[in-house]
Amino acid sequence: MIGGLLKQVAPRLVGSVGEIQNAFKESRQGNGKGLRLPEMLGLFVKTICSLERVYICVDAIDELVPQHRSELLRALRQIIQEAPNTRLFLTGRPHIRGELDRYLTKGAYTIHIVPDQGDITRYLSRKMDNANEMDPDLMTEGLKNDIIKTILEKTSGM
């Protein structure tokens, strides 16, 4: 993910693309494996320090494998420590709040968003009705109601 962020930022800065390309080329020649996370982080921080403000948005961070999530959170902590011009916007389910607090405690704001059950019901009904129009034998009304009920239970944390 850090490599992807580096790839997004580098073309916007004159002179940094060549340095980054050289670093990747040299790393492939040296050990044949390419840049490791510490080197990529160093390049990324060096690249973004010259910018007035940088926003990093990561959606559904809770869906990362726990090992990769903690590695990413450590990297994000390093980025905001070394590049104070950086702001993070992360989304995820509430069960990872403790993990986020462990890695990113300084100045964090939390907005708790609760899904609207009516919106979910309408959305699911519309999607299933559309699918049913293509194949009327796809599901019964009872199955549709069971699907909606189960999803509503999952979204409300039951």
Protein backbone atom coordinates (compact mmCIF):
# COMPACT_ATOMS: atom_id res chain seq x y z
CA MET A 1 0.00 0.00 0.00
CA ILE A 2 2.86 2.36 0.77
CA GLY A 3 4.29 1.65 -2.68
CA GLY A 4 0.91 2.56 -4.17
CA LEU A 5 0.86 5.84 -2.23
CA LEU A 6 4.38 6.60 -3.42
CA LYS A 7 3.33 5.91 -7.00
CA GLN A 8 0.42 8.38 -6.64
CA VAL A 9 2.48 11.19 -5.16
CA ALA A 10 5.77 10.95 -7.08
CA PRO A 11 4.58 12.11 -10.53
CA ARG A 12 3.30 15.35 -9.00
CA LEU A 13 6.75 16.38 -7.86
CA VAL A 14 9.43 17.38 -10.33
CA GLY A 15 12.67 15.50 -9.75
CA SER A 16 11.35 12.84 -7.37
CA VAL A 17 10.33 10.34 -10.06
CA GLY A 18 13.91 9.80 -11.23
CA GLU A 19 15.16 9.31 -7.68
CA ILE A 20 12.42 6.79 -6.94
CA GLN A 21 12.98 4.90 -10.18
CA ASN A 22 16.70 4.71 -9.43
CA ALA A 23 16.03 3.41 -5.91
CA PHE A 24 13.79 0.65 -7.29
CA LYS A 25 16.30 -0.23 -10.01
CA GLU A 26 19.23 -0.39 -7.57
CA SER A 27 17.27 -2.53 -5.11
CA ARG A 28 16.44 -5.06 -7.82
CA GLN A 29 20.09 -5.25 -8.81
CA GLY A 30 21.32 -5.48 -5.23
CA ASN A 31 19.13 -8.21 -3.74
CA GLY A 32 16.76 -8.91 -6.60
CA LYS A 33 13.67 -8.37 -4.43
CA GLY A 34 12.95 -4.70 -4.90
CA LEU A 35 12.48 -2.08 -2.23
CA ARG A 36 11.46 -3.15 1.25
CA LEU A 37 8.94 -1.28 3.38
CA PRO A 38 11.54 0.79 5.30
CA GLU A 39 13.08 2.08 2.07
CA MET A 40 9.67 2.82 0.53
CA LEU A 41 8.62 4.65 3.69
CA GLY A 42 11.76 6.74 3.59
CA LEU A 43 11.18 7.69 -0.03
CA PHE A 44 7.51 8.43 0.60
CA VAL A 45 8.21 10.67 3.60
CA LYS A 46 10.99 12.48 1.72
CA THR A 47 8.65 13.00 -1.21
CA ILE A 48 5.68 14.34 0.75
CA CYS A 49 7.67 16.60 3.08
CA SER A 50 7.95 19.17 0.29
CA LEU A 51 4.17 19.39 -0.06
CA GLU A 52 2.04 21.83 1.90
CA ARG A 53 -0.54 19.21 2.93
CA VAL A 54 -1.01 15.51 2.23
CA TYR A 55 -4.18 13.52 2.85
CA ILE A 56 -4.05 9.74 3.05
CA CYS A 57 -7.41 7.99 2.91
CA VAL A 58 -7.75 4.29 3.66
CA ASP A 59 -11.22 2.78 3.43
CA ALA A 60 -12.22 -0.40 5.26
CA ILE A 61 -8.97 -0.75 7.18
CA ASP A 62 -10.67 -3.41 9.30
CA GLU A 63 -10.74 -5.71 6.27
CA LEU A 64 -6.96 -6.02 6.17
CA VAL A 65 -5.46 -9.19 7.61
CA PRO A 66 -4.49 -8.31 11.23
CA GLN A 67 -0.75 -8.75 10.57
CA HIS A 68 -0.87 -6.47 7.52
CA ARG A 69 -3.12 -4.00 9.33
CA SER A 70 -0.66 -3.58 12.22
CA GLU A 71 2.21 -3.21 9.74
CA LEU A 72 0.28 -0.53 7.85
CA LEU A 73 -0.68 1.28 11.05
CA ARG A 74 2.97 1.35 12.17
CA ALA A 75 3.91 2.76 8.76
CA LEU A 76 1.16 5.41 8.97
CA ARG A 77 2.33 6.36 12.47
CA GLN A 78 5.87 6.82 11.14
CA ILE A 79 4.58 8.92 8.25
CA ILE A 80 2.64 11.33 10.46
CA GLN A 81 5.56 11.58 12.89
CA GLU A 82 8.09 12.36 10.18
CA ALA A 83 5.79 14.39 7.91
CA PRO A 84 3.54 16.52 10.16
CA ASN A 85 1.88 17.97 7.04
CA THR A 86 0.08 14.63 6.64
CA ARG A 87 -3.52 13.99 7.63
CA LEU A 88 -5.11 10.55 7.81
CA PHE A 89 -8.69 9.58 7.11
CA LEU A 90 -9.40 5.95 7.96
CA THR A 91 -12.66 4.07 7.88
CA GLY A 92 -13.35 0.79 9.60
CA ARG A 93 -15.71 -1.08 11.86
CA PRO A 94 -15.72 -0.32 15.58
CA HIS A 95 -14.00 -3.57 16.65
CA ILE A 96 -10.57 -2.26 15.59
CA ARG A 97 -10.81 1.00 17.55
CA GLY A 98 -8.42 -0.29 20.22
CA GLU A 99 -5.83 -1.18 17.62
CA LEU A 100 -6.12 2.26 16.01
CA ASP A 101 -5.70 3.89 19.42
CA ARG A 102 -2.51 1.89 20.04
CA TYR A 103 -0.88 3.13 16.87
CA LEU A 104 -2.49 6.49 16.13
CA THR A 105 -3.49 8.23 19.34
CA LYS A 106 -2.28 11.78 18.80
CA GLY A 107 -5.07 14.14 17.73
CA ALA A 108 -7.45 11.46 16.48
CA TYR A 109 -11.12 12.25 16.00
CA THR A 110 -13.72 9.54 15.82
CA ILE A 111 -17.05 9.75 14.09
CA HIS A 112 -19.33 6.85 14.84
CA ILE A 113 -21.66 6.17 11.93
CA VAL A 114 -24.68 3.95 12.42
CA PRO A 115 -26.26 2.46 9.31
CA ASP A 116 -29.90 3.36 8.78
CA GLN A 117 -31.94 0.15 8.80
CA GLY A 118 -34.57 1.63 6.46
CA ASP A 119 -31.93 2.58 3.89
CA ILE A 120 -30.43 -0.89 4.03
CA THR A 121 -33.84 -2.54 3.63
CA ARG A 122 -34.75 -0.38 0.64
CA TYR A 123 -31.37 -0.94 -1.01
CA LEU A 124 -31.47 -4.71 -0.57
CA SER A 125 -35.08 -4.94 -1.73
CA ARG A 126 -34.34 -2.94 -4.85
CA LYS A 127 -31.28 -5.06 -5.70
CA MET A 128 -33.12 -8.33 -5.16
CA ASP A 129 -36.16 -7.11 -7.10
CA ASN A 130 -33.88 -6.19 -10.03
CA ALA A 131 -32.28 -9.64 -9.93
CA ASN A 132 -35.70 -11.25 -9.69
CA GLU A 133 -36.88 -9.38 -12.80
CA MET A 134 -34.10 -11.04 -14.80
CA ASP A 135 -34.93 -14.48 -13.35
CA PRO A 136 -38.34 -14.67 -11.58
CA ASP A 137 -37.54 -18.12 -10.19
CA LEU A 138 -34.42 -16.81 -8.46
CA MET A 139 -35.94 -16.43 -5.00
CA THR A 140 -39.17 -16.54 -3.07
CA GLU A 141 -40.54 -13.68 -0.99
CA GLY A 142 -39.67 -15.70 2.13
CA LEU A 143 -36.02 -16.04 1.07
CA LYS A 144 -35.86 -12.32 0.29
CA ASN A 145 -37.21 -11.50 3.76
CA ASP A 146 -34.77 -13.91 5.41
CA ILE A 147 -31.84 -12.32 3.58
CA ILE A 148 -32.92 -8.82 4.62
CA LYS A 149 -33.48 -9.91 8.23
CA THR A 150 -30.05 -11.57 8.45
CA ILE A 151 -28.22 -8.59 6.96
CA LEU A 152 -30.05 -6.16 9.24
CA GLU A 153 -29.04 -8.25 12.26
CA LYS A 154 -25.40 -8.22 11.12
CA THR A 155 -25.33 -4.47 10.51
CA SER A 156 -26.82 -3.70 13.92
CA GLY A 157 -24.18 -5.80 15.68
CA MET A 158 -26.53 -8.52 16.93
